[in-house]
């Protein structure tokens, strides 16, 4: 059975959460995922330094509409003061704030933010305490298991975050050095849940409804966060919700994929213009056609497309040839 989940006074309609992902979870993407049942959606990772320097491009990441609410805002930086100031600035822009303490990307790590913070639990405590004082919004932290296999410290970090006022914990149970290789260590989620009184959200390797049910059963976590598994597959949210009720949803037809892909594209055009849509939607359209006959040729063609009209023609033509659905 699907269950509700609450972070402080924020109660979600379900326990299925869209992960914050740089370059992915912009407003059009979030609106699509919300339509398919995400109980909470997150912005892309937002630079706290960029916010307090009045960066217009940074503020653009917070662009929102009522249809997607509640909205989680994920911030990153390495300074308690900077993060606290940024959290105060965005407290009217969403319903929850998350601090990124798990991003393994080199550029973020070199700045001392993201997973680099896992090397300094004392600093983590100061950050959570400072942000807690700066905003009335529910506060979560997203962490990894540790910096590397020799320094796995997610239990210590989780305890510190809880003591300093966090309202929830999100664990991607890989180390920073693993990146996204191998399989995530779901037992770490179980141990964190056993230790903590806070809601614990499990993240990592949820690509099917079966994966979601398995994580919930094996770890006892309160909810799941869907990241890469949702690429081109917003139906995953509906499939998981159905599975939690003991039902099964068939994979989407080619026609349904076309409908949603075109809606996603049109949303992007409306919000950001045709040029940016053509540039940014290529990857999404490639994801929407995964598993279909001729997908490799489609990817080659769509990545060479230079205008919106040709992009739509290619998509419609390709999916018309796959009207019978996913290839065996």
Protein backbone atom coordinates (compact mmCIF):
# COMPACT_ATOMS: atom_id res chain seq x y z
CA UNK A 1 0.00 0.00 0.00
CA UNK A 2 1.15 3.47 -0.81
CA UNK A 3 1.56 5.69 2.21
CA UNK A 4 1.65 9.38 2.86
CA UNK A 5 4.80 10.99 4.12
CA UNK A 6 5.38 14.21 6.02
CA UNK A 7 8.37 16.47 6.52
CA UNK A 8 7.49 18.62 9.52
CA UNK A 9 4.18 20.29 8.56
CA UNK A 10 4.45 19.42 4.88
CA UNK A 11 2.36 16.36 4.06
CA UNK A 12 2.75 14.78 0.64
CA UNK A 13 0.05 12.90 -1.24
CA UNK A 14 2.36 9.91 -1.63
CA UNK A 15 5.91 8.80 -0.96
CA UNK A 16 7.21 8.98 -4.55
CA UNK A 17 9.68 11.84 -5.04
CA UNK A 18 11.44 13.20 -8.10
CA UNK A 19 15.17 13.62 -7.50
CA UNK A 20 16.86 16.99 -8.06
CA UNK A 21 19.08 16.64 -11.13
CA UNK A 22 21.24 19.34 -12.69
CA UNK A 23 20.37 19.94 -16.32
CA UNK A 24 17.28 17.74 -16.07
CA UNK A 25 14.66 18.80 -13.53
CA UNK A 26 13.69 22.11 -15.05
CA UNK A 27 10.08 23.31 -14.91
CA UNK A 28 8.79 21.44 -18.02
CA UNK A 29 10.28 18.17 -16.77
CA UNK A 30 8.82 18.69 -13.30
CA UNK A 31 5.36 19.41 -14.69
CA UNK A 32 5.41 16.17 -16.66
CA UNK A 33 6.49 14.16 -13.63
CA UNK A 34 3.89 15.82 -11.44
CA UNK A 35 1.19 14.89 -13.98
CA UNK A 36 2.23 11.26 -13.68
CA UNK A 37 2.04 11.16 -9.91
CA UNK A 38 5.19 12.48 -8.23
CA UNK A 39 4.28 13.55 -4.71
CA UNK A 40 7.17 16.03 -4.53
CA UNK A 41 9.34 17.44 -7.28
CA UNK A 42 12.69 19.19 -6.91
CA UNK A 43 14.43 21.98 -8.74
CA UNK A 44 17.79 21.43 -10.28
CA UNK A 45 20.69 21.87 -7.89
CA UNK A 46 20.80 25.63 -7.17
CA UNK A 47 24.01 27.47 -6.29
CA UNK A 48 23.62 29.33 -3.01
CA UNK A 49 26.51 31.58 -4.01
CA UNK A 50 24.78 32.37 -7.28
CA UNK A 51 21.60 33.34 -5.46
CA UNK A 52 23.17 35.76 -3.04
CA UNK A 53 25.12 37.38 -5.88
CA UNK A 54 21.81 38.16 -7.62
CA UNK A 55 22.52 35.82 -10.50
CA UNK A 56 19.65 36.05 -12.97
CA UNK A 57 20.40 32.62 -14.45
CA UNK A 58 20.47 31.10 -10.98
CA UNK A 59 17.12 32.66 -10.08
CA UNK A 60 15.69 31.23 -13.32
CA UNK A 61 16.10 27.74 -11.84
CA UNK A 62 13.42 28.66 -9.29
CA UNK A 63 10.81 29.48 -11.91
CA UNK A 64 7.64 27.66 -10.92
CA UNK A 65 3.89 27.33 -11.42
CA UNK A 66 1.13 26.32 -8.97
CA UNK A 67 0.53 23.08 -10.90
CA UNK A 68 3.81 21.57 -9.74
CA UNK A 69 3.55 22.36 -6.06
CA UNK A 70 4.70 21.30 -3.57
CA UNK A 71 8.19 22.16 -4.79
CA UNK A 72 11.46 21.25 -3.15
CA UNK A 73 14.46 23.52 -3.66
CA UNK A 74 17.93 21.98 -3.50
CA UNK A 75 20.80 24.27 -2.58
CA UNK A 76 24.55 23.66 -2.68
CA UNK A 77 27.54 25.50 -1.23
CA UNK A 78 30.24 24.87 1.37
CA UNK A 79 29.50 27.77 3.75
CA UNK A 80 26.95 27.76 6.59
CA UNK A 81 26.46 31.52 6.21
CA UNK A 82 26.00 31.41 2.45
CA UNK A 83 23.56 28.51 2.62
CA UNK A 84 21.60 30.16 5.42
CA UNK A 85 21.30 33.40 3.47
CA UNK A 86 20.23 31.57 0.34
CA UNK A 87 17.68 29.50 2.26
CA UNK A 88 16.13 32.66 3.67
CA UNK A 89 15.96 34.15 0.16
CA UNK A 90 14.07 31.20 -1.33
CA UNK A 91 11.70 30.49 1.54
CA UNK A 92 8.82 31.98 -0.48
CA UNK A 93 9.69 30.03 -3.63
CA UNK A 94 8.95 26.49 -2.52
CA UNK A 95 7.68 24.27 0.26
CA UNK A 96 10.88 22.44 1.29
CA UNK A 97 14.63 23.02 1.19
CA UNK A 98 17.22 20.31 0.67
CA UNK A 99 20.97 20.68 1.08
CA UNK A 100 23.04 18.77 -1.43
CA UNK A 101 25.75 16.79 0.34
CA UNK A 102 26.09 14.04 -2.22
CA UNK A 103 26.85 15.41 -5.68
CA UNK A 104 30.00 13.65 -6.98
CA UNK A 105 30.63 16.00 -9.93
CA UNK A 106 34.23 17.26 -9.90
CA UNK A 107 33.34 20.93 -10.39
CA UNK A 108 31.04 20.85 -7.34
CA UNK A 109 33.45 18.81 -5.25
CA UNK A 110 36.36 21.15 -6.00
CA UNK A 111 34.30 24.02 -4.59
CA UNK A 112 33.98 22.12 -1.29
CA UNK A 113 30.26 21.49 -1.78
CA UNK A 114 28.24 18.38 -2.59
CA UNK A 115 29.86 15.13 -1.51
CA UNK A 116 33.03 16.98 -0.45
CA UNK A 117 31.12 17.90 2.71
CA UNK A 118 31.06 14.24 3.73
CA UNK A 119 34.73 14.62 4.64
CA UNK A 120 33.82 17.18 7.30
CA UNK A 121 30.91 16.11 9.54
CA UNK A 122 31.53 19.03 11.90
CA UNK A 123 30.95 21.46 9.03
CA UNK A 124 27.82 19.55 8.08
CA UNK A 125 26.47 20.13 11.57
CA UNK A 126 27.16 23.85 11.32
CA UNK A 127 25.47 24.04 7.92
CA UNK A 128 22.31 22.27 9.03
CA UNK A 129 22.09 24.36 12.20
CA UNK A 130 22.55 27.62 10.28
CA UNK A 131 19.97 26.77 7.62
CA UNK A 132 17.53 25.52 10.25
CA UNK A 133 17.64 28.94 11.93
CA UNK A 134 17.28 30.79 8.62
CA UNK A 135 14.10 29.25 7.23
CA UNK A 136 10.74 28.01 8.54
CA UNK A 137 10.47 25.51 5.68
CA UNK A 138 10.98 21.78 6.20
CA UNK A 139 14.66 20.92 5.77
CA UNK A 140 16.19 17.75 4.38
CA UNK A 141 19.72 16.72 3.47
CA UNK A 142 20.71 14.46 0.59
CA UNK A 143 23.83 12.43 1.26
CA UNK A 144 25.86 9.52 -0.01
CA UNK A 145 27.25 6.65 2.03
CA UNK A 146 30.61 8.37 2.34
CA UNK A 147 33.53 9.80 0.45
CA UNK A 148 35.00 6.40 -0.40
CA UNK A 149 34.89 2.83 0.87
CA UNK A 150 37.41 3.66 3.60
CA UNK A 151 35.38 6.55 5.00
CA UNK A 152 31.74 5.41 4.98
CA UNK A 153 30.05 7.69 7.50
CA UNK A 154 26.40 8.08 6.50
CA UNK A 155 25.21 7.02 9.97
CA UNK A 156 27.31 9.73 11.64
CA UNK A 157 26.21 12.35 9.12
CA UNK A 158 22.56 11.33 9.50
CA UNK A 159 22.77 11.56 13.30
CA UNK A 160 24.38 15.01 13.15
CA UNK A 161 21.79 16.30 10.66
CA UNK A 162 18.97 15.04 12.86
CA UNK A 163 20.47 16.58 16.00
CA UNK A 164 20.85 19.95 14.29
CA UNK A 165 17.24 20.15 13.15
CA UNK A 166 16.81 18.39 9.79
CA UNK A 167 13.30 17.11 9.07
CA UNK A 168 14.27 14.29 6.76
CA UNK A 169 17.18 12.36 5.25
CA UNK A 170 17.76 11.23 1.68
CA UNK A 171 20.42 8.59 1.13
CA UNK A 172 21.94 7.52 -2.19
CA UNK A 173 23.93 4.53 -0.92
CA UNK A 174 27.00 4.84 -3.06
CA UNK A 175 30.23 6.57 -2.13
CA UNK A 176 31.47 9.65 -3.93
CA UNK A 177 34.29 7.63 -5.49
CA UNK A 178 31.77 5.17 -6.97
CA UNK A 179 29.90 7.83 -8.89
CA UNK A 180 27.03 5.88 -10.43
CA UNK A 181 28.95 2.66 -11.02
CA UNK A 182 28.08 -0.70 -9.54
CA UNK A 183 24.91 -1.25 -7.55
CA UNK A 184 23.89 0.95 -4.67
CA UNK A 185 24.14 -0.58 -1.18
CA UNK A 186 20.50 -0.62 -0.13
CA UNK A 187 21.38 -2.07 3.26
CA UNK A 188 22.79 1.33 4.15
CA UNK A 189 19.30 2.79 3.75
CA UNK A 190 17.93 0.14 6.11
CA UNK A 191 20.56 0.90 8.74
CA UNK A 192 19.94 4.62 8.50
CA UNK A 193 16.20 4.06 8.91
CA UNK A 194 16.80 1.86 11.93
CA UNK A 195 18.86 4.61 13.53
CA UNK A 196 16.80 7.67 12.73
CA UNK A 197 13.45 8.97 13.92
CA UNK A 198 13.18 11.13 10.80
CA UNK A 199 11.62 10.13 7.48
CA UNK A 200 14.28 8.40 5.40
CA UNK A 201 14.07 8.47 1.60
CA UNK A 202 15.91 5.84 -0.39
CA UNK A 203 17.58 6.75 -3.68
CA UNK A 204 19.52 4.73 -6.21
CA UNK A 205 18.75 2.16 -8.92
CA UNK A 206 14.98 2.53 -9.14
CA UNK A 207 14.28 1.70 -12.78
CA UNK A 208 11.05 -0.29 -12.45
CA UNK A 209 8.08 -0.80 -10.19
CA UNK A 210 9.69 -4.04 -9.01
CA UNK A 211 12.80 -2.10 -7.98
CA UNK A 212 10.69 0.32 -5.97
CA UNK A 213 8.78 -2.39 -4.14
CA UNK A 214 12.01 -4.23 -3.43
CA UNK A 215 13.67 -1.15 -1.93
CA UNK A 216 10.70 -0.38 0.28
CA UNK A 217 10.52 -3.99 1.49
CA UNK A 218 14.25 -4.52 2.02
CA UNK A 219 15.02 -1.19 3.67
CA UNK A 220 11.86 -0.08 5.45
CA UNK A 221 12.44 3.43 4.08
CA UNK A 222 9.56 5.88 4.18
CA UNK A 223 9.72 6.80 0.52
CA UNK A 224 11.72 6.52 -2.65
CA UNK A 225 13.42 9.10 -4.85
CA UNK A 226 13.46 8.52 -8.59
CA UNK A 227 16.31 9.93 -10.64
CA UNK A 228 17.78 8.36 -13.77
CA UNK A 229 14.97 5.80 -13.89
CA UNK A 230 12.58 8.56 -14.88
CA UNK A 231 14.53 9.67 -17.96
CA UNK A 232 11.96 9.50 -20.77
CA UNK A 233 9.76 7.42 -18.49
CA UNK A 234 7.31 9.47 -16.41
CA UNK A 235 5.06 6.40 -16.50
CA UNK A 236 7.34 4.90 -13.86
CA UNK A 237 5.56 6.93 -11.19
CA UNK A 238 2.17 5.54 -12.21
CA UNK A 239 3.54 2.02 -12.48
CA UNK A 240 4.96 2.18 -8.96
CA UNK A 241 1.76 3.65 -7.54
CA UNK A 242 -0.23 0.86 -9.18
CA UNK A 243 2.17 -1.82 -7.95
CA UNK A 244 1.86 -0.54 -4.39
CA UNK A 245 -1.87 -1.20 -4.71
CA UNK A 246 -1.28 -4.66 -6.13
CA UNK A 247 -2.07 -3.70 -9.72
CA UNK A 248 -0.09 -3.82 -12.96
CA UNK A 249 0.15 -1.19 -15.67
CA UNK A 250 1.24 -2.17 -19.16
CA UNK A 251 4.10 -0.22 -20.73
CA UNK A 252 3.02 2.87 -22.69
CA UNK A 253 2.22 2.50 -26.37
CA UNK A 254 4.15 4.36 -29.04
CA UNK A 255 1.16 6.69 -29.39
CA UNK A 256 1.26 7.49 -25.70
CA UNK A 257 4.99 8.12 -25.85
CA UNK A 258 4.42 10.51 -28.74
CA UNK A 259 1.68 12.37 -26.87
CA UNK A 260 3.81 12.91 -23.79
CA UNK A 261 7.02 13.67 -25.70
CA UNK A 262 5.22 16.33 -27.75
CA UNK A 263 3.60 17.78 -24.63
CA UNK A 264 7.01 17.95 -22.98
CA UNK A 265 8.46 19.65 -26.06
CA UNK A 266 5.59 22.14 -26.28
CA UNK A 267 5.93 23.00 -22.58
CA UNK A 268 9.61 23.69 -23.13
CA UNK A 269 8.93 25.92 -26.12
CA UNK A 270 6.28 27.88 -24.23
CA UNK A 271 8.55 28.47 -21.26
CA UNK A 272 11.97 28.91 -22.85
CA UNK A 273 11.54 29.46 -26.59
CA UNK A 274 12.16 27.26 -29.62
CA UNK A 275 15.96 27.60 -29.83
CA UNK A 276 16.59 26.43 -26.28
CA UNK A 277 13.95 23.74 -26.72
CA UNK A 278 15.73 22.29 -29.74
CA UNK A 279 19.05 22.27 -27.90
CA UNK A 280 17.83 20.95 -24.54
CA UNK A 281 15.08 18.55 -25.62
CA UNK A 282 17.29 16.36 -27.80
CA UNK A 283 18.36 14.22 -24.86
CA UNK A 284 14.81 13.88 -23.57
CA UNK A 285 13.44 12.79 -26.94
CA UNK A 286 16.21 10.19 -27.21
CA UNK A 287 15.11 8.84 -23.84
CA UNK A 288 11.43 8.72 -24.81
CA UNK A 289 12.16 6.34 -27.70
CA UNK A 290 14.40 3.88 -25.86
CA UNK A 291 13.56 0.29 -26.67
CA UNK A 292 11.72 1.08 -29.89
CA UNK A 293 12.66 -0.17 -33.36
CA UNK A 294 15.21 2.13 -34.99
CA UNK A 295 15.94 4.15 -31.85
CA UNK A 296 19.66 4.35 -32.65
CA UNK A 297 19.00 5.93 -36.06
CA UNK A 298 16.48 8.30 -34.49
CA UNK A 299 19.05 9.47 -31.95
CA UNK A 300 21.55 10.23 -34.70
CA UNK A 301 18.98 12.21 -36.66
CA UNK A 302 17.49 14.14 -33.76
CA UNK A 303 20.91 15.23 -32.53
CA UNK A 304 21.56 16.86 -35.90
CA UNK A 305 18.22 18.66 -36.02
CA UNK A 306 18.48 22.43 -36.01
CA UNK A 307 14.88 23.62 -35.84
CA UNK A 308 11.66 22.85 -34.03
CA UNK A 309 9.59 21.91 -37.10
CA UNK A 310 12.07 19.25 -38.21
CA UNK A 311 12.33 17.93 -34.66
CA UNK A 312 8.57 17.41 -34.48
CA UNK A 313 8.42 15.81 -37.92
CA UNK A 314 11.19 13.37 -37.00
CA UNK A 315 9.51 12.44 -33.74
CA UNK A 316 6.06 11.96 -35.26
CA UNK A 317 7.41 9.96 -38.19
CA UNK A 318 9.54 7.74 -36.02
CA UNK A 319 6.83 6.88 -33.54
CA UNK A 320 4.32 6.30 -36.34
CA UNK A 321 6.51 3.43 -37.49
CA UNK A 322 6.39 1.96 -33.98
CA UNK A 323 2.62 2.06 -33.59
CA UNK A 324 2.60 -1.49 -32.30
CA UNK A 325 4.69 -0.54 -29.24
CA UNK A 326 8.02 -1.50 -27.77
CA UNK A 327 10.30 -3.81 -29.73
CA UNK A 328 11.00 -7.28 -28.40
